[in-house]
Every structure is written in structure tokens, then in C-alpha cells.
């Protein structure tokens, strides 16, 4: 329905700590007239196999990966330009600290793995041309769920390591580096990945397809 429909009151009162543009907020409907063409039987969309769920999850997976990339980029910049090595490291620069190098390398490996899983999942979703193929749609949903799990984990890890490895300076409000963790954490609550693990396990061991929803 049109944004300025009579009786429709949309309030921009979403005060989440991250991802402020998540389209959340209070909607008050007071005797709002609704045209038949504006009535969408949402749940009926999932009564049959559809790519809607996995396609939607690809979008959210990409957001998490974007946060991880940004956090890693800021980590690199801060370590090279401002961070100081720990006194016991024996290094003259933070970028020569062996333990820091280990964490940075591990983050890059995890990010690359998540990126590859996303590409593989996207190819699988794209290959599902016939929505009547329930098996192919289920397999695509599982592939996206795997990518979403890893992308969420690496985004939170990268955002946390950014602060840990950059030192106390990184917590200063002027740098706003905590935005990466806040964005990753808030966005991850859209559909908790803890529910994806048993879904994948049930599919693997028992052949039970994932539920047809936009959150798997």
C-alpha cells in the first residue's frame, strides 16, 4: 500500500545497536483500507518448492561477508599505521608480531573459505531453474545455510580481532571501529545460525529437507 495511506503510521523508532537500516520499526494500522491487489498470501508462497528462501539468505550472507571484509581491511590499516607491538613480542612493529600475524592469517583463510562457500551456494541456487524440483531446492537451501554459518562466524571473529589486535587505541570513539561488531551481531540475529546446524545435520543423516521459509 502507499506510504501515505490513511490510517497508516510508520515510526522510525528502531534503536538497534547496529545495522540501523534494517527496515525495522513500529507500524500502526488504524482502520486502513487495503486494496485486494495489496494482499499477499506470504505463507502460501512456501507451500511449494521455491528459490525465495535460499535466494534471500544469499543476500544476508553477502552482508555478513561484507562486514568481515571491512573489518579485516580496517585491521590491516590500523596495525600498519597506529598499533604498537606487545613488549614481549620482540618485534619493532606490530605487523611483525608473530602472534598477530597468526591471527591475521587465520582470519584471511576463514574469510576466503566463506567467500568460496558463498559462490558455490550462489551457483547452486542459480541452477535451480525448476521450482518443482523439491530435492534441488532443498540442496540449494542447505548450501546457503553452510555459507551463512561460516560468514556469520568470520564476521564476528574479524570484528572482535580488529579490536584485540589493534590495541586500546582502536576503542576510541573517533575511529568507530566497534561498528563492525555491532553490525555483524545485530544482523546475525535476523535468523540465528544455531538453528542451521541441526537442519544441516538432519538433512545429512536422515534426508529430511529444510523447512520452506525465508530463514533457511
Protein backbone atom coordinates (compact mmCIF):
# COMPACT_ATOMS: atom_id res chain seq x y z
CA UNK A 1 0.00 0.00 0.00
CA UNK A 2 1.18 3.60 -0.47
CA UNK A 3 3.38 5.03 2.29
CA UNK A 4 0.91 7.85 3.00
CA UNK A 5 -2.23 5.71 3.14
CA UNK A 6 -4.92 6.93 5.54
CA UNK A 7 -4.59 5.29 8.94
CA UNK A 8 -1.02 4.07 8.33
CA UNK A 9 1.57 5.35 10.80
CA UNK A 10 5.17 4.20 10.26
CA UNK A 11 7.52 5.26 13.04
CA UNK A 12 11.28 5.36 12.72
CA UNK A 13 11.87 4.17 16.27
CA UNK A 14 14.28 1.29 15.65
CA UNK A 15 17.16 1.81 18.10
CA UNK A 16 19.27 -1.30 17.50
CA UNK A 17 22.99 -1.03 18.27
CA UNK A 18 23.92 -1.86 14.68
CA UNK A 19 22.55 -2.12 11.13
CA UNK A 20 20.27 0.89 11.51
CA UNK A 21 18.82 0.42 8.01
CA UNK A 22 17.23 -2.97 8.66
CA UNK A 23 13.73 -1.65 7.85
CA UNK A 24 12.53 -2.36 11.38
CA UNK A 25 10.34 -0.12 13.48
CA UNK A 26 6.77 0.32 14.64
CA UNK A 27 3.90 0.17 12.16
CA UNK A 28 0.45 1.20 13.40
CA UNK A 29 -2.57 0.43 11.25
CA UNK A 30 -5.81 2.15 12.24
CA UNK A 31 -8.77 1.16 10.04
CA UNK A 32 -6.55 1.17 6.95
CA UNK A 33 -8.33 0.43 3.67
CA UNK A 34 -6.49 -2.28 1.73
CA UNK A 35 -6.95 -2.97 -1.96
CA UNK A 36 -7.21 -6.66 -2.95
CA UNK A 37 -4.05 -6.41 -5.08
CA UNK A 38 -2.09 -5.41 -1.99
CA UNK A 39 -2.98 -8.59 -0.09
CA UNK A 40 -0.09 -11.05 -0.42
CA UNK A 41 -0.59 -14.62 0.85
CA UNK A 42 3.01 -14.80 2.04
CA UNK A 43 2.97 -18.24 3.66
CA UNK A 44 1.35 -19.79 0.61
CA UNK A 45 4.48 -18.95 -1.33
CA UNK A 46 6.28 -21.67 0.61
CA UNK A 47 3.64 -24.35 0.20
CA UNK A 48 5.54 -25.48 -2.88
CA UNK A 49 9.30 -25.59 -3.56
CA UNK A 50 10.68 -22.12 -4.22
CA UNK A 51 14.06 -20.40 -4.54
CA UNK A 52 12.82 -17.48 -2.47
CA UNK A 53 14.27 -18.77 0.81
CA UNK A 54 17.81 -19.61 -0.30
CA UNK A 55 17.97 -16.55 -2.56
CA UNK A 56 17.05 -14.30 0.38
CA UNK A 57 19.67 -15.97 2.55
CA UNK A 58 22.34 -15.39 -0.09
CA UNK A 59 21.70 -11.68 0.32
CA UNK A 60 22.16 -11.81 4.07
CA UNK A 61 25.25 -14.00 3.75
CA UNK A 62 26.81 -11.42 1.45
CA UNK A 63 26.13 -8.69 4.02
CA UNK A 64 27.97 -10.65 6.70
CA UNK A 65 30.89 -11.21 4.36
CA UNK A 66 30.98 -7.51 3.54
CA UNK A 67 31.26 -6.70 7.23
CA UNK A 68 34.08 -9.23 7.62
CA UNK A 69 35.96 -7.75 4.66
CA UNK A 70 35.61 -4.23 6.03
CA UNK A 71 36.79 -5.30 9.48
CA UNK A 72 39.83 -7.06 8.04
CA UNK A 73 40.66 -4.03 5.90
CA UNK A 74 40.47 -1.74 8.94
CA UNK A 75 42.57 -4.20 10.92
CA UNK A 76 45.29 -4.08 8.28
CA UNK A 77 45.23 -0.29 8.12
CA UNK A 78 45.26 0.21 11.90
CA UNK A 79 48.01 -2.35 12.53
CA UNK A 80 50.24 -0.85 9.86
CA UNK A 81 49.62 2.79 10.78
CA UNK A 82 48.90 3.02 14.51
CA UNK A 83 49.19 -0.21 16.51
CA UNK A 84 52.25 -0.91 18.65
CA UNK A 85 53.82 -4.34 19.21
CA UNK A 86 53.45 -6.03 22.56
CA UNK A 87 56.59 -5.62 24.65
CA UNK A 88 57.27 -9.37 24.92
CA UNK A 89 56.99 -9.99 21.19
CA UNK A 90 60.48 -8.72 20.43
CA UNK A 91 59.08 -7.07 17.31
CA UNK A 92 59.74 -3.48 16.33
CA UNK A 93 56.42 -3.16 14.52
CA UNK A 94 53.01 -4.58 15.36
CA UNK A 95 52.93 -6.07 11.87
CA UNK A 96 55.97 -8.19 12.79
CA UNK A 97 54.41 -9.66 15.93
CA UNK A 98 54.25 -13.44 15.31
CA UNK A 99 51.02 -13.96 17.27
CA UNK A 100 49.36 -11.07 15.46
CA UNK A 101 50.49 -12.47 12.11
CA UNK A 102 49.00 -15.84 13.06
CA UNK A 103 45.58 -14.34 13.82
CA UNK A 104 45.60 -12.17 10.70
CA UNK A 105 46.48 -15.16 8.54
CA UNK A 106 43.80 -17.31 10.13
CA UNK A 107 41.21 -14.58 9.53
CA UNK A 108 42.16 -14.35 5.86
CA UNK A 109 41.83 -18.13 5.44
CA UNK A 110 38.42 -18.15 7.13
CA UNK A 111 37.21 -15.24 5.02
CA UNK A 112 38.36 -16.88 1.80
CA UNK A 113 36.62 -20.11 2.78
CA UNK A 114 33.38 -18.25 3.47
CA UNK A 115 33.64 -16.43 0.15
CA UNK A 116 34.08 -19.70 -1.72
CA UNK A 117 31.12 -21.28 0.07
CA UNK A 118 29.00 -18.29 -0.91
CA UNK A 119 29.97 -18.63 -4.57
CA UNK A 120 29.23 -22.36 -4.55
CA UNK A 121 25.87 -21.76 -2.89
CA UNK A 122 25.01 -19.00 -5.35
CA UNK A 123 25.77 -21.31 -8.27
CA UNK A 124 23.53 -23.96 -6.74
CA UNK A 125 20.66 -21.52 -6.25
CA UNK A 126 21.11 -20.20 -9.78
CA UNK A 127 20.98 -23.75 -11.13
CA UNK A 128 17.54 -24.38 -9.62
CA UNK A 129 15.53 -23.37 -12.66
CA UNK A 130 12.57 -25.63 -12.00
CA UNK A 131 10.97 -24.74 -8.66
CA UNK A 132 9.06 -28.03 -8.78
CA UNK A 133 12.31 -29.90 -8.14
CA UNK A 134 11.99 -30.12 -4.37
CA UNK A 135 15.27 -32.00 -3.99
CA UNK A 136 17.29 -29.36 -5.83
CA UNK A 137 15.69 -26.53 -3.87
CA UNK A 138 16.41 -28.33 -0.59
CA UNK A 139 20.04 -28.90 -1.57
CA UNK A 140 20.39 -25.23 -2.50
CA UNK A 141 18.97 -24.16 0.87
CA UNK A 142 21.45 -26.39 2.68
CA UNK A 143 24.34 -24.98 0.64
CA UNK A 144 23.34 -21.44 1.53
CA UNK A 145 22.93 -22.37 5.19
CA UNK A 146 26.53 -23.63 5.27
CA UNK A 147 27.76 -20.38 3.75
CA UNK A 148 25.67 -18.30 6.13
CA UNK A 149 27.08 -20.09 9.17
CA UNK A 150 30.69 -19.53 8.17
CA UNK A 151 30.07 -15.95 7.03
CA UNK A 152 28.44 -15.08 10.36
CA UNK A 153 31.23 -16.66 12.36
CA UNK A 154 34.00 -14.96 10.41
CA UNK A 155 32.31 -11.54 10.53
CA UNK A 156 32.05 -11.68 14.32
CA UNK A 157 35.57 -13.05 14.64
CA UNK A 158 37.07 -10.42 12.35
CA UNK A 159 35.26 -7.60 14.12
CA UNK A 160 36.48 -8.85 17.50
CA UNK A 161 40.05 -9.47 16.38
CA UNK A 162 40.17 -5.98 14.87
CA UNK A 163 39.91 -4.50 18.35
CA UNK A 164 42.02 -7.15 20.05
CA UNK A 165 44.98 -6.89 17.67
CA UNK A 166 44.83 -3.14 17.16
CA UNK A 167 45.14 -2.34 20.84
CA UNK A 168 43.41 0.09 23.17
CA UNK A 169 43.64 2.97 20.69
CA UNK A 170 41.20 1.11 18.48
CA UNK A 171 38.45 1.54 21.06
CA UNK A 172 38.47 5.33 20.77
CA UNK A 173 35.14 6.71 19.60
CA UNK A 174 36.82 8.77 16.90
CA UNK A 175 37.66 5.63 14.93
CA UNK A 176 34.23 3.99 15.35
CA UNK A 177 35.77 0.55 14.77
CA UNK A 178 33.27 -1.14 17.04
CA UNK A 179 30.64 -0.56 14.33
CA UNK A 180 31.77 -3.74 12.59
CA UNK A 181 30.98 -5.94 15.59
CA UNK A 182 27.71 -4.11 16.26
CA UNK A 183 26.63 -4.50 12.65
CA UNK A 184 27.65 -8.16 12.46
CA UNK A 185 25.98 -9.06 15.76
CA UNK A 186 22.75 -7.21 15.07
CA UNK A 187 22.43 -8.55 11.54
CA UNK A 188 23.18 -12.11 12.69
CA UNK A 189 20.03 -12.04 14.83
CA UNK A 190 17.87 -11.91 11.70
CA UNK A 191 17.93 -15.71 11.69
CA UNK A 192 20.15 -17.39 14.30
CA UNK A 193 22.71 -19.73 12.78
CA UNK A 194 22.44 -22.12 15.73
CA UNK A 195 19.26 -23.44 14.12
CA UNK A 196 21.05 -24.09 10.85
CA UNK A 197 23.39 -26.71 12.32
CA UNK A 198 20.65 -29.23 13.27
CA UNK A 199 18.91 -28.53 9.96
CA UNK A 200 22.07 -29.46 8.07
CA UNK A 201 22.63 -32.49 10.29
CA UNK A 202 19.06 -33.72 9.83
CA UNK A 203 19.42 -33.37 6.08
CA UNK A 204 22.76 -35.21 6.09
CA UNK A 205 21.83 -38.12 8.33
CA UNK A 206 18.09 -38.52 7.84
CA UNK A 207 17.46 -36.96 4.45
CA UNK A 208 14.99 -34.52 5.98
CA UNK A 209 14.76 -31.39 3.80
CA UNK A 210 14.99 -27.97 5.44
CA UNK A 211 11.74 -26.14 6.19
CA UNK A 212 10.44 -23.95 3.39
CA UNK A 213 10.88 -20.50 4.83
CA UNK A 214 12.87 -17.39 4.08
CA UNK A 215 15.14 -18.02 7.05
CA UNK A 216 16.92 -21.22 5.95
